[in-house]
Amino acid sequence: MGIEPEIFFYDKEFMAQAKVSGADLDSDFAAAQRTQELINENYLKLASQRVNATVNWDPYLRLLDGVPQEKLFDQIVALHINTNKFAVHKDLVESKINMANRDLYIKGVTTFIMSTPDYQLG
């Protein structure tokens, strides 16, 4: 059978006992310590590896194809920020990105917006 669940009320008394035997405590501590060491080792291995990523911008760029240039910034912000669109200042963003052509403008605005707390916390 097993232990049946009980509902405890404020006046209910019960006994609890921690595991205190030396051998059990030592083996549990050693196992926990070894587990932490393995986690640290694996984390260091992963953190030291070089990660290569390639973004497929084509579907995203096609999504914005029909948007006129003068509305492009506001549309990109609307896609990524759920709060007030004025939380991201257009002049500041445009001063930091490559505006040589439309695709670079879209990529620059998008990556800038995605680095803001408004995007990351939204």
PDB file of N, CA and C in Angstrom:
ATOM      1  N   MET A   1       0.839  -1.173   0.000  1.00  0.00           N
ATOM      2  CA  MET A   1       0.000   0.000   0.000  1.00  0.00           C
ATOM      3  C   MET A   1       0.873   1.221   0.000  1.00  0.00           C
ATOM      4  N   GLY A   2       1.152   1.952   0.616  1.00  0.00           N
ATOM      5  CA  GLY A   2       1.925   3.176   0.603  1.00  0.00           C
ATOM      6  C   GLY A   2       1.302   4.166   1.550  1.00  0.00           C
ATOM      7  N   ILE A   3       1.848   5.276   1.595  1.00  0.00           N
ATOM      8  CA  ILE A   3       1.340   6.315   2.489  1.00  0.00           C
ATOM      9  C   ILE A   3       0.224   7.059   1.779  1.00  0.00           C
ATOM     10  N   GLU A   4      -0.890   7.146   2.453  1.00  0.00           N
ATOM     11  CA  GLU A   4      -2.033   7.855   1.890  1.00  0.00           C
ATOM     12  C   GLU A   4      -1.879   9.359   2.142  1.00  0.00           C
ATOM     13  N   PRO A   5      -2.258  10.191   1.189  1.00  0.00           N
ATOM     14  CA  PRO A   5      -2.162  11.641   1.422  1.00  0.00           C
ATOM     15  C   PRO A   5      -3.137  12.092   2.512  1.00  0.00           C
ATOM     16  N   GLU A   6      -2.739  13.109   3.247  1.00  0.00           N
ATOM     17  CA  GLU A   6      -3.567  13.659   4.315  1.00  0.00           C
ATOM     18  C   GLU A   6      -3.687  15.160   4.142  1.00  0.00           C
ATOM     19  N   ILE A   7      -4.765  15.708   4.627  1.00  0.00           N
ATOM     20  CA  ILE A   7      -4.914  17.161   4.676  1.00  0.00           C
ATOM     21  C   ILE A   7      -4.516  17.592   6.072  1.00  0.00           C
ATOM     22  N   PHE A   8      -3.587  18.559   6.143  1.00  0.00           N
ATOM     23  CA  PHE A   8      -3.134  19.059   7.435  1.00  0.00           C
ATOM     24  C   PHE A   8      -3.898  20.319   7.795  1.00  0.00           C
ATOM     25  N   PHE A   9      -4.389  20.351   9.001  1.00  0.00           N
ATOM     26  CA  PHE A   9      -5.017  21.546   9.535  1.00  0.00           C
ATOM     27  C   PHE A   9      -4.057  22.179  10.530  1.00  0.00           C
ATOM     28  N   TYR A  10      -4.389  23.355  11.002  1.00  0.00           N
ATOM     29  CA  TYR A  10      -3.495  24.085  11.894  1.00  0.00           C
ATOM     30  C   TYR A  10      -3.172  23.329  13.185  1.00  0.00           C
ATOM     31  N   ASP A  11      -4.091  22.543  13.677  1.00  0.00           N
ATOM     32  CA  ASP A  11      -3.864  21.869  14.957  1.00  0.00           C
ATOM     33  C   ASP A  11      -3.282  20.464  14.782  1.00  0.00           C
ATOM     34  N   LYS A  12      -2.927  20.095  13.576  1.00  0.00           N
ATOM     35  CA  LYS A  12      -2.398  18.759  13.310  1.00  0.00           C
ATOM     36  C   LYS A  12      -0.922  18.705  13.675  1.00  0.00           C
ATOM     37  N   GLU A  13      -0.516  17.696  14.386  1.00  0.00           N
ATOM     38  CA  GLU A  13       0.885  17.492  14.722  1.00  0.00           C
ATOM     39  C   GLU A  13       1.426  16.347  13.890  1.00  0.00           C
ATOM     40  N   PHE A  14       2.657  16.468  13.477  1.00  0.00           N
ATOM     41  CA  PHE A  14       3.284  15.369  12.754  1.00  0.00           C
ATOM     42  C   PHE A  14       4.771  15.376  13.057  1.00  0.00           C
ATOM     43  N   MET A  15       5.404  14.272  12.805  1.00  0.00           N
ATOM     44  CA  MET A  15       6.826  14.115  13.079  1.00  0.00           C
ATOM     45  C   MET A  15       7.578  14.074  11.756  1.00  0.00           C
ATOM     46  N   ALA A  16       8.718  14.721  11.735  1.00  0.00           N
ATOM     47  CA  ALA A  16       9.596  14.669  10.579  1.00  0.00           C
ATOM     48  C   ALA A  16      11.011  14.441  11.083  1.00  0.00           C
ATOM     49  N   GLN A  17      11.762  13.643  10.369  1.00  0.00           N
ATOM     50  CA  GLN A  17      13.118  13.356  10.796  1.00  0.00           C
ATOM     51  C   GLN A  17      14.037  13.463   9.577  1.00  0.00           C
ATOM     52  N   ALA A  18      15.082  14.238   9.736  1.00  0.00           N
ATOM     53  CA  ALA A  18      16.061  14.375   8.656  1.00  0.00           C
ATOM     54  C   ALA A  18      16.944  13.147   8.607  1.00  0.00           C
ATOM     55  N   LYS A  19      17.509  12.872   7.465  1.00  0.00           N
ATOM     56  CA  LYS A  19      18.430  11.767   7.316  1.00  0.00           C
ATOM     57  C   LYS A  19      19.750  12.188   7.959  1.00  0.00           C
ATOM     58  N   VAL A  20      20.163  11.515   8.980  1.00  0.00           N
ATOM     59  CA  VAL A  20      21.342  11.952   9.719  1.00  0.00           C
ATOM     60  C   VAL A  20      22.446  10.911   9.792  1.00  0.00           C
ATOM     61  N   SER A  21      22.221   9.730   9.312  1.00  0.00           N
ATOM     62  CA  SER A  21      23.270   8.716   9.440  1.00  0.00           C
ATOM     63  C   SER A  21      24.469   9.138   8.601  1.00  0.00           C
ATOM     64  N   GLY A  22      25.634   8.959   9.145  1.00  0.00           N
ATOM     65  CA  GLY A  22      26.859   9.441   8.523  1.00  0.00           C
ATOM     66  C   GLY A  22      27.103   8.909   7.130  1.00  0.00           C
ATOM     67  N   ALA A  23      26.924   7.607   6.916  1.00  0.00           N
ATOM     68  CA  ALA A  23      27.207   7.005   5.612  1.00  0.00           C
ATOM     69  C   ALA A  23      26.266   7.548   4.549  1.00  0.00           C
ATOM     70  N   ASP A  24      24.962   7.645   4.879  1.00  0.00           N
ATOM     71  CA  ASP A  24      23.993   8.164   3.910  1.00  0.00           C
ATOM     72  C   ASP A  24      24.267   9.629   3.588  1.00  0.00           C
ATOM     73  N   LEU A  25      24.553  10.399   4.619  1.00  0.00           N
ATOM     74  CA  LEU A  25      24.805  11.821   4.430  1.00  0.00           C
ATOM     75  C   LEU A  25      26.056  12.047   3.600  1.00  0.00           C
ATOM     76  N   ASP A  26      27.114  11.290   3.904  1.00  0.00           N
ATOM     77  CA  ASP A  26      28.361  11.414   3.156  1.00  0.00           C
ATOM     78  C   ASP A  26      28.176  11.017   1.701  1.00  0.00           C
ATOM     79  N   SER A  27      27.458   9.926   1.446  1.00  0.00           N
ATOM     80  CA  SER A  27      27.280   9.478   0.063  1.00  0.00           C
ATOM     81  C   SER A  27      26.391  10.452  -0.716  1.00  0.00           C
ATOM     82  N   ASP A  28      25.358  11.016  -0.060  1.00  0.00           N
ATOM     83  CA  ASP A  28      24.508  12.008  -0.724  1.00  0.00           C
ATOM     84  C   ASP A  28      25.307  13.264  -1.052  1.00  0.00           C
ATOM     85  N   PHE A  29      26.132  13.705  -0.116  1.00  0.00           N
ATOM     86  CA  PHE A  29      26.945  14.896  -0.350  1.00  0.00           C
ATOM     87  C   PHE A  29      27.944  14.648  -1.474  1.00  0.00           C
ATOM     88  N   ALA A  30      28.578  13.489  -1.474  1.00  0.00           N
ATOM     89  CA  ALA A  30      29.554  13.156  -2.511  1.00  0.00           C
ATOM     90  C   ALA A  30      28.878  13.091  -3.886  1.00  0.00           C
ATOM     91  N   ALA A  31      27.694  12.512  -3.935  1.00  0.00           N
ATOM     92  CA  ALA A  31      26.972  12.423  -5.208  1.00  0.00           C
ATOM     93  C   ALA A  31      26.582  13.812  -5.695  1.00  0.00           C
ATOM     94  N   ALA A  32      26.119  14.656  -4.792  1.00  0.00           N
ATOM     95  CA  ALA A  32      25.743  16.015  -5.176  1.00  0.00           C
ATOM     96  C   ALA A  32      26.962  16.802  -5.646  1.00  0.00           C
ATOM     97  N   GLN A  33      28.078  16.626  -4.969  1.00  0.00           N
ATOM     98  CA  GLN A  33      29.303  17.321  -5.344  1.00  0.00           C
ATOM     99  C   GLN A  33      29.783  16.854  -6.713  1.00  0.00           C
ATOM    100  N   ARG A  34      29.735  15.557  -6.970  1.00  0.00           N
ATOM    101  CA  ARG A  34      30.159  15.018  -8.274  1.00  0.00           C
ATOM    102  C   ARG A  34      29.230  15.506  -9.374  1.00  0.00           C
ATOM    103  N   THR A  35      27.942  15.558  -9.092  1.00  0.00           N
ATOM    104  CA  THR A  35      26.990  16.071 -10.074  1.00  0.00           C
ATOM    105  C   THR A  35      27.317  17.516 -10.425  1.00  0.00           C
ATOM    106  N   GLN A  36      27.619  18.330  -9.419  1.00  0.00           N
ATOM    107  CA  GLN A  36      27.972  19.727  -9.670  1.00  0.00           C
ATOM    108  C   GLN A  36      29.262  19.827 -10.483  1.00  0.00           C
ATOM    109  N   GLU A  37      30.236  18.962 -10.188  1.00  0.00           N
ATOM    110  CA  GLU A  37      31.483  18.961 -10.956  1.00  0.00           C
ATOM    111  C   GLU A  37      31.226  18.626 -12.422  1.00  0.00           C
ATOM    112  N   LEU A  38      30.356  17.637 -12.682  1.00  0.00           N
ATOM    113  CA  LEU A  38      30.020  17.276 -14.063  1.00  0.00           C
ATOM    114  C   LEU A  38      29.318  18.423 -14.777  1.00  0.00           C
ATOM    115  N   ILE A  39      28.415  19.085 -14.077  1.00  0.00           N
ATOM    116  CA  ILE A  39      27.722  20.233 -14.665  1.00  0.00           C
ATOM    117  C   ILE A  39      28.734  21.309 -15.024  1.00  0.00           C
ATOM    118  N   ASN A  40      29.647  21.604 -14.106  1.00  0.00           N
ATOM    119  CA  ASN A  40      30.667  22.629 -14.366  1.00  0.00           C
ATOM    120  C   ASN A  40      31.550  22.252 -15.551  1.00  0.00           C
ATOM    121  N   GLU A  41      31.970  20.994 -15.622  1.00  0.00           N
ATOM    122  CA  GLU A  41      32.810  20.539 -16.726  1.00  0.00           C
ATOM    123  C   GLU A  41      32.085  20.687 -18.064  1.00  0.00           C
ATOM    124  N   ASN A  42      30.835  20.230 -18.106  1.00  0.00           N
ATOM    125  CA  ASN A  42      30.071  20.322 -19.352  1.00  0.00           C
ATOM    126  C   ASN A  42      29.787  21.761 -19.734  1.00  0.00           C
ATOM    127  N   TYR A  43      29.516  22.605 -18.746  1.00  0.00           N
ATOM    128  CA  TYR A  43      29.266  24.009 -19.025  1.00  0.00           C
ATOM    129  C   TYR A  43      30.507  24.657 -19.633  1.00  0.00           C
ATOM    130  N   LEU A  44      31.679  24.359 -19.054  1.00  0.00           N
ATOM    131  CA  LEU A  44      32.913  24.919 -19.582  1.00  0.00           C
ATOM    132  C   LEU A  44      33.183  24.438 -21.005  1.00  0.00           C
ATOM    133  N   LYS A  45      32.896  23.169 -21.273  1.00  0.00           N
ATOM    134  CA  LYS A  45      33.075  22.650 -22.628  1.00  0.00           C
ATOM    135  C   LYS A  45      32.173  23.381 -23.609  1.00  0.00           C
ATOM    136  N   LEU A  46      30.899  23.541 -23.225  1.00  0.00           N
ATOM    137  CA  LEU A  46      29.955  24.227 -24.112  1.00  0.00           C
ATOM    138  C   LEU A  46      30.309  25.698 -24.274  1.00  0.00           C
ATOM    139  N   ALA A  47      30.697  26.333 -23.191  1.00  0.00           N
ATOM    140  CA  ALA A  47      30.993  27.765 -23.238  1.00  0.00           C
ATOM    141  C   ALA A  47      32.251  28.050 -24.049  1.00  0.00           C
ATOM    142  N   SER A  48      33.160  27.091 -24.126  1.00  0.00           N
ATOM    143  CA  SER A  48      34.404  27.327 -24.846  1.00  0.00           C
ATOM    144  C   SER A  48      34.309  26.977 -26.330  1.00  0.00           C
ATOM    145  N   GLN A  49      33.204  26.378 -26.754  1.00  0.00           N
ATOM    146  CA  GLN A  49      33.046  26.031 -28.157  1.00  0.00           C
ATOM    147  C   GLN A  49      32.617  27.256 -28.960  1.00  0.00           C
ATOM    148  N   ARG A  50      33.092  27.343 -30.148  1.00  0.00           N
ATOM    149  CA  ARG A  50      32.700  28.431 -31.047  1.00  0.00           C
ATOM    150  C   ARG A  50      31.361  28.072 -31.674  1.00  0.00           C
ATOM    151  N   VAL A  51      30.459  29.019 -31.661  1.00  0.00           N
ATOM    152  CA  VAL A  51      29.136  28.796 -32.226  1.00  0.00           C
ATOM    153  C   VAL A  51      29.013  29.593 -33.520  1.00  0.00           C
ATOM    154  N   ASN A  52      28.639  28.916 -34.561  1.00  0.00           N
ATOM    155  CA  ASN A  52      28.403  29.584 -35.838  1.00  0.00           C
ATOM    156  C   ASN A  52      26.920  29.533 -36.138  1.00  0.00           C
ATOM    157  N   ALA A  53      26.355  30.674 -36.429  1.00  0.00           N
ATOM    158  CA  ALA A  53      24.929  30.738 -36.746  1.00  0.00           C
ATOM    159  C   ALA A  53      24.739  31.581 -37.991  1.00  0.00           C
ATOM    160  N   THR A  54      23.814  31.171 -38.804  1.00  0.00           N
ATOM    161  CA  THR A  54      23.465  31.922 -39.995  1.00  0.00           C
ATOM    162  C   THR A  54      21.972  32.221 -39.945  1.00  0.00           C
ATOM    163  N   VAL A  55      21.633  33.470 -40.119  1.00  0.00           N
ATOM    164  CA  VAL A  55      20.229  33.871 -40.089  1.00  0.00           C
ATOM    165  C   VAL A  55      19.691  33.864 -41.511  1.00  0.00           C
ATOM    166  N   ASN A  56      18.562  33.211 -41.711  1.00  0.00           N
ATOM    167  CA  ASN A  56      17.887  33.247 -43.001  1.00  0.00           C
ATOM    168  C   ASN A  56      16.934  34.445 -42.989  1.00  0.00           C
ATOM    169  N   TRP A  57      17.399  35.548 -43.525  1.00  0.00           N
ATOM    170  CA  TRP A  57      16.631  36.791 -43.506  1.00  0.00           C
ATOM    171  C   TRP A  57      15.546  36.833 -44.578  1.00  0.00           C
ATOM    172  N   ASP A  58      15.598  35.965 -45.561  1.00  0.00           N
ATOM    173  CA  ASP A  58      14.703  36.058 -46.722  1.00  0.00           C
ATOM    174  C   ASP A  58      13.211  36.129 -46.368  1.00  0.00           C
ATOM    175  N   PRO A  59      12.687  35.219 -45.540  1.00  0.00           N
ATOM    176  CA  PRO A  59      11.250  35.316 -45.222  1.00  0.00           C
ATOM    177  C   PRO A  59      10.893  36.627 -44.508  1.00  0.00           C
ATOM    178  N   TYR A  60      11.776  37.070 -43.634  1.00  0.00           N
ATOM    179  CA  TYR A  60      11.530  38.314 -42.896  1.00  0.00           C
ATOM    180  C   TYR A  60      11.574  39.516 -43.836  1.00  0.00           C
ATOM    181  N   LEU A  61      12.546  39.538 -44.726  1.00  0.00           N
ATOM    182  CA  LEU A  61      12.641  40.645 -45.680  1.00  0.00           C
ATOM    183  C   LEU A  61      11.435  40.672 -46.619  1.00  0.00           C
ATOM    184  N   ARG A  62      10.963  39.486 -47.031  1.00  0.00           N
ATOM    185  CA  ARG A  62       9.774  39.414 -47.895  1.00  0.00           C
ATOM    186  C   ARG A  62       8.533  39.922 -47.163  1.00  0.00           C
ATOM    187  N   LEU A  63       8.469  39.660 -45.860  1.00  0.00           N
ATOM    188  CA  LEU A  63       7.341  40.127 -45.053  1.00  0.00           C
ATOM    189  C   LEU A  63       7.223  41.649 -45.101  1.00  0.00           C
ATOM    190  N   LEU A  64       8.356  42.325 -45.218  1.00  0.00           N
ATOM    191  CA  LEU A  64       8.370  43.787 -45.202  1.00  0.00           C
ATOM    192  C   LEU A  64       8.474  44.402 -46.594  1.00  0.00           C
ATOM    193  N   ASP A  65       8.371  43.580 -47.642  1.00  0.00           N
ATOM    194  CA  ASP A  65       8.503  44.070 -49.021  1.00  0.00           C
ATOM    195  C   ASP A  65       7.533  45.194 -49.367  1.00  0.00           C
ATOM    196  N   GLY A  66       6.285  45.068 -48.996  1.00  0.00           N
ATOM    197  CA  GLY A  66       5.282  46.042 -49.406  1.00  0.00           C
ATOM    198  C   GLY A  66       5.205  47.284 -48.539  1.00  0.00           C
ATOM    199  N   VAL A  67       6.030  47.383 -47.522  1.00  0.00           N
ATOM    200  CA  VAL A  67       5.973  48.518 -46.603  1.00  0.00           C
ATOM    201  C   VAL A  67       6.777  49.681 -47.192  1.00  0.00           C
ATOM    202  N   PRO A  68       6.155  50.842 -47.331  1.00  0.00           N
ATOM    203  CA  PRO A  68       6.888  52.010 -47.845  1.00  0.00           C
ATOM    204  C   PRO A  68       8.041  52.394 -46.912  1.00  0.00           C
ATOM    205  N   GLN A  69       9.093  52.927 -47.457  1.00  0.00           N
ATOM    206  CA  GLN A  69      10.298  53.275 -46.701  1.00  0.00           C
ATOM    207  C   GLN A  69       9.994  54.177 -45.500  1.00  0.00           C
ATOM    208  N   GLU A  70       9.100  55.142 -45.679  1.00  0.00           N
ATOM    209  CA  GLU A  70       8.819  56.083 -44.589  1.00  0.00           C
ATOM    210  C   GLU A  70       8.067  55.434 -43.418  1.00  0.00           C
ATOM    211  N   LYS A  71       7.449  54.273 -43.651  1.00  0.00           N
ATOM    212  CA  LYS A  71       6.732  53.569 -42.587  1.00  0.00           C
ATOM    213  C   LYS A  71       7.480  52.335 -42.091  1.00  0.00           C
ATOM    214  N   LEU A  72       8.620  52.074 -42.679  1.00  0.00           N
ATOM    215  CA  LEU A  72       9.352  50.842 -42.398  1.00  0.00           C
ATOM    216  C   LEU A  72       9.798  50.749 -40.938  1.00  0.00           C
ATOM    217  N   PHE A  73      10.371  51.811 -40.399  1.00  0.00           N
ATOM    218  CA  PHE A  73      10.841  51.779 -39.011  1.00  0.00           C
ATOM    219  C   PHE A  73       9.692  51.454 -38.064  1.00  0.00           C
ATOM    220  N   ASP A  74       8.578  52.166 -38.208  1.00  0.00           N
ATOM    221  CA  ASP A  74       7.426  51.945 -37.323  1.00  0.00           C
ATOM    222  C   ASP A  74       6.880  50.528 -37.450  1.00  0.00           C
ATOM    223  N   GLN A  75       6.891  49.991 -38.651  1.00  0.00           N
ATOM    224  CA  GLN A  75       6.393  48.623 -38.857  1.00  0.00           C
ATOM    225  C   GLN A  75       7.300  47.591 -38.188  1.00  0.00           C
ATOM    226  N   ILE A  76       8.612  47.792 -38.293  1.00  0.00           N
ATOM    227  CA  ILE A  76       9.551  46.866 -37.653  1.00  0.00           C
ATOM    228  C   ILE A  76       9.388  46.925 -36.138  1.00  0.00           C
ATOM    229  N   VAL A  77       9.268  48.128 -35.605  1.00  0.00           N
ATOM    230  CA  VAL A  77       9.071  48.279 -34.162  1.00  0.00           C
ATOM    231  C   VAL A  77       7.768  47.596 -33.741  1.00  0.00           C
ATOM    232  N   ALA A  78       6.715  47.791 -34.506  1.00  0.00           N
ATOM    233  CA  ALA A  78       5.416  47.188 -34.176  1.00  0.00           C
ATOM    234  C   ALA A  78       5.484  45.658 -34.179  1.00  0.00           C
ATOM    235  N   LEU A  79       6.322  45.095 -35.024  1.00  0.00           N
ATOM    236  CA  LEU A  79       6.471  43.632 -35.073  1.00  0.00           C
ATOM    237  C   LEU A  79       7.145  43.076 -33.824  1.00  0.00           C
ATOM    238  N   HIS A  80       7.998  43.878 -33.186  1.00  0.00           N
ATOM    239  CA  HIS A  80       8.844  43.349 -32.120  1.00  0.00           C
ATOM    240  C   HIS A  80       8.596  43.929 -30.731  1.00  0.00           C
ATOM    241  N   ILE A  81       8.003  45.090 -30.644  1.00  0.00           N
ATOM    242  CA  ILE A  81       7.805  45.743 -29.348  1.00  0.00           C
ATOM    243  C   ILE A  81       6.317  45.850 -29.080  1.00  0.00           C
ATOM    244  N   ASN A  82       5.884  45.350 -27.926  1.00  0.00           N
ATOM    245  CA  ASN A  82       4.462  45.376 -27.593  1.00  0.00           C
ATOM    246  C   ASN A  82       4.050  46.612 -26.819  1.00  0.00           C
ATOM    247  N   THR A  83       5.016  47.430 -26.461  1.00  0.00           N
ATOM    248  CA  THR A  83       4.703  48.623 -25.682  1.00  0.00           C
ATOM    249  C   THR A  83       4.655  49.832 -26.599  1.00  0.00           C
ATOM    250  N   ASN A  84       4.752  50.990 -26.021  1.00  0.00           N
ATOM    251  CA  ASN A  84       4.728  52.246 -26.752  1.00  0.00           C
ATOM    252  C   ASN A  84       5.817  52.267 -27.823  1.00  0.00           C
ATOM    253  N   LYS A  85       5.442  52.582 -29.048  1.00  0.00           N
ATOM    254  CA  LYS A  85       6.433  52.578 -30.134  1.00  0.00           C
ATOM    255  C   LYS A  85       7.473  53.667 -29.960  1.00  0.00           C
ATOM    256  N   PHE A  86       7.190  54.646 -29.122  1.00  0.00           N
ATOM    257  CA  PHE A  86       8.149  55.721 -28.900  1.00  0.00           C
ATOM    258  C   PHE A  86       9.225  55.329 -27.899  1.00  0.00           C
ATOM    259  N   ALA A  87       9.152  54.091 -27.392  1.00  0.00           N
ATOM    260  CA  ALA A  87      10.184  53.601 -26.477  1.00  0.00           C
ATOM    261  C   ALA A  87      11.512  53.449 -27.214  1.00  0.00           C
ATOM    262  N   VAL A  88      11.460  53.326 -28.532  1.00  0.00           N
ATOM    263  CA  VAL A  88      12.662  53.212 -29.351  1.00  0.00           C
ATOM    264  C   VAL A  88      12.739  54.464 -30.222  1.00  0.00           C
ATOM    265  N   HIS A  89      13.804  55.225 -30.071  1.00  0.00           N
ATOM    266  CA  HIS A  89      13.943  56.483 -30.804  1.00  0.00           C
ATOM    267  C   HIS A  89      14.555  56.234 -32.182  1.00  0.00           C
ATOM    268  N   LYS A  90      13.814  56.591 -33.192  1.00  0.00           N
ATOM    269  CA  LYS A  90      14.223  56.350 -34.571  1.00  0.00           C
ATOM    270  C   LYS A  90      15.572  56.992 -34.892  1.00  0.00           C
ATOM    271  N   ASP A  91      15.771  58.234 -34.470  1.00  0.00           N
ATOM    272  CA  ASP A  91      17.031  58.929 -34.777  1.00  0.00           C
ATOM    273  C   ASP A  91      18.232  58.213 -34.160  1.00  0.00           C
ATOM    274  N   LEU A  92      18.072  57.733 -32.940  1.00  0.00           N
ATOM    275  CA  LEU A  92      19.157  57.016 -32.278  1.00  0.00           C
ATOM    276  C   LEU A  92      19.477  55.722 -33.015  1.00  0.00           C
ATOM    277  N   VAL A  93      18.451  54.962 -33.351  1.00  0.00           N
ATOM    278  CA  VAL A  93      18.665  53.688 -34.051  1.00  0.00           C
ATOM    279  C   VAL A  93      19.334  53.937 -35.394  1.00  0.00           C
ATOM    280  N   GLU A  94      18.818  54.887 -36.141  1.00  0.00           N
ATOM    281  CA  GLU A  94      19.365  55.144 -37.480  1.00  0.00           C
ATOM    282  C   GLU A  94      20.791  55.683 -37.434  1.00  0.00           C
ATOM    283  N   SER A  95      21.182  56.279 -36.321  1.00  0.00           N
ATOM    284  CA  SER A  95      22.568  56.764 -36.208  1.00  0.00           C
ATOM    285  C   SER A  95      23.542  55.619 -35.955  1.00  0.00           C
ATOM    286  N   LYS A  96      23.029  54.457 -35.565  1.00  0.00           N
ATOM    287  CA  LYS A  96      23.884  53.327 -35.201  1.00  0.00           C
ATOM    288  C   LYS A  96      23.921  52.206 -36.233  1.00  0.00           C
ATOM    289  N   ILE A  97      23.119  52.298 -37.281  1.00  0.00           N
ATOM    290  CA  ILE A  97      23.022  51.178 -38.228  1.00  0.00           C
ATOM    291  C   ILE A  97      23.507  51.574 -39.613  1.00  0.00           C
ATOM    292  N   ASN A  98      23.711  50.563 -40.445  1.00  0.00           N
ATOM    293  CA  ASN A  98      24.102  50.756 -41.836  1.00  0.00           C
ATOM    294  C   ASN A  98      22.836  50.972 -42.663  1.00  0.00           C
ATOM    295  N   MET A  99      22.737  52.118 -43.284  1.00  0.00           N
ATOM    296  CA  MET A  99      21.540  52.439 -44.070  1.00  0.00           C
ATOM    297  C   MET A  99      21.846  52.474 -45.568  1.00  0.00           C
ATOM    298  N   ALA A 100      22.868  51.711 -45.996  1.00  0.00           N
ATOM    299  CA  ALA A 100      23.294  51.740 -47.392  1.00  0.00           C
ATOM    300  C   ALA A 100      22.202  51.267 -48.349  1.00  0.00           C
ATOM    301  N   ASN A 101      21.398  50.290 -47.935  1.00  0.00           N
ATOM    302  CA  ASN A 101      20.277  49.849 -48.768  1.00  0.00           C
ATOM    303  C   ASN A 101      19.149  49.357 -47.862  1.00  0.00           C
ATOM    304  N   ARG A 102      18.037  49.058 -48.458  1.00  0.00           N
ATOM    305  CA  ARG A 102      16.836  48.688 -47.706  1.00  0.00           C
ATOM    306  C   ARG A 102      17.050  47.437 -46.844  1.00  0.00           C
ATOM    307  N   ASP A 103      17.671  46.401 -47.407  1.00  0.00           N
ATOM    308  CA  ASP A 103      17.885  45.161 -46.657  1.00  0.00           C
ATOM    309  C   ASP A 103      18.780  45.396 -45.442  1.00  0.00           C
ATOM    310  N   LEU A 104      19.864  46.146 -45.615  1.00  0.00           N
ATOM    311  CA  LEU A 104      20.745  46.440 -44.484  1.00  0.00           C
ATOM    312  C   LEU A 104      20.028  47.292 -43.442  1.00  0.00           C
ATOM    313  N   TYR A 105      19.183  48.198 -43.889  1.00  0.00           N
ATOM    314  CA  TYR A 105      18.393  49.018 -42.969  1.00  0.00           C
ATOM    315  C   TYR A 105      17.470  48.136 -42.127  1.00  0.00           C
ATOM    316  N   ILE A 106      16.761  47.223 -42.781  1.00  0.00           N
ATOM    317  CA  ILE A 106      15.839  46.326 -42.070  1.00  0.00           C
ATOM    318  C   ILE A 106      16.594  45.455 -41.072  1.00  0.00           C
ATOM    319  N   LYS A 107      17.694  44.875 -41.503  1.00  0.00           N
ATOM    320  CA  LYS A 107      18.488  44.023 -40.615  1.00  0.00           C
ATOM    321  C   LYS A 107      19.041  44.825 -39.439  1.00  0.00           C
ATOM    322  N   GLY A 108      19.518  46.015 -39.709  1.00  0.00           N
ATOM    323  CA  GLY A 108      20.087  46.860 -38.661  1.00  0.00           C
ATOM    324  C   GLY A 108      19.055  47.288 -37.638  1.00  0.00           C
ATOM    325  N   VAL A 109      17.906  47.752 -38.101  1.00  0.00           N
ATOM    326  CA  VAL A 109      16.847  48.174 -37.188  1.00  0.00           C
ATOM    327  C   VAL A 109      16.375  46.975 -36.363  1.00  0.00           C
ATOM    328  N   THR A 110      16.195  45.858 -37.009  1.00  0.00           N
ATOM    329  CA  THR A 110      15.702  44.663 -36.319  1.00  0.00           C
ATOM    330  C   THR A 110      16.666  44.206 -35.240  1.00  0.00           C
ATOM    331  N   THR A 111      17.943  44.075 -35.559  1.00  0.00           N
ATOM    332  CA  THR A 111      18.902  43.605 -34.562  1.00  0.00           C
ATOM    333  C   THR A 111      19.073  44.628 -33.439  1.00  0.00           C
ATOM    334  N   PHE A 112      18.989  45.905 -33.763  1.00  0.00           N
ATOM    335  CA  PHE A 112      19.074  46.925 -32.712  1.00  0.00           C
ATOM    336  C   PHE A 112      17.885  46.809 -31.762  1.00  0.00           C
ATOM    337  N   ILE A 113      16.707  46.686 -32.319  1.00  0.00           N
ATOM    338  CA  ILE A 113      15.494  46.576 -31.501  1.00  0.00           C
ATOM    339  C   ILE A 113      15.531  45.309 -30.646  1.00  0.00           C
ATOM    340  N   MET A 114      16.018  44.216 -31.214  1.00  0.00           N
ATOM    341  CA  MET A 114      16.070  42.960 -30.470  1.00  0.00           C
ATOM    342  C   MET A 114      17.089  43.002 -29.331  1.00  0.00           C
ATOM    343  N   SER A 115      17.975  43.994 -29.337  1.00  0.00           N
ATOM    344  CA  SER A 115      18.947  44.121 -28.249  1.00  0.00           C
ATOM    345  C   SER A 115      18.444  45.025 -27.125  1.00  0.00           C
ATOM    346  N   THR A 116      17.272  45.609 -27.281  1.00  0.00           N
ATOM    347  CA  THR A 116      16.744  46.511 -26.253  1.00  0.00           C
ATOM    348  C   THR A 116      16.013  45.746 -25.154  1.00  0.00           C
ATOM    349  N   PRO A 117      15.988  46.294 -23.954  1.00  0.00           N
ATOM    350  CA  PRO A 117      15.221  45.657 -22.871  1.00  0.00           C
ATOM    351  C   PRO A 117      13.721  45.567 -23.205  1.00  0.00           C
ATOM    352  N   ASP A 118      13.201  46.546 -23.951  1.00  0.00           N
ATOM    353  CA  ASP A 118      11.777  46.498 -24.315  1.00  0.00           C
ATOM    354  C   ASP A 118      11.441  45.238 -25.094  1.00  0.00           C
ATOM    355  N   TYR A 119      12.355  44.790 -25.945  1.00  0.00           N
ATOM    356  CA  TYR A 119      12.142  43.558 -26.705  1.00  0.00           C
ATOM    357  C   TYR A 119      12.382  42.341 -25.818  1.00  0.00           C
ATOM    358  N   GLN A 120      13.513  42.325 -25.121  1.00  0.00           N
ATOM    359  CA  GLN A 120      13.920  41.144 -24.366  1.00  0.00           C
ATOM    360  C   GLN A 120      13.003  40.843 -23.181  1.00  0.00           C
ATOM    361  N   LEU A 121      12.413  41.873 -22.600  1.00  0.00           N
ATOM    362  CA  LEU A 121      11.530  41.671 -21.462  1.00  0.00           C
ATOM    363  C   LEU A 121      10.066  41.632 -21.876  1.00  0.00           C
ATOM    364  N   GLY A 122       9.788  41.912 -23.134  1.00  0.00           N
ATOM    365  CA  GLY A 122       8.405  41.949 -23.598  1.00  0.00           C
ATOM    366  C   GLY A 122       7.936  40.632 -23.980  1.00  0.00           C
TER     367      GLY A 122
END
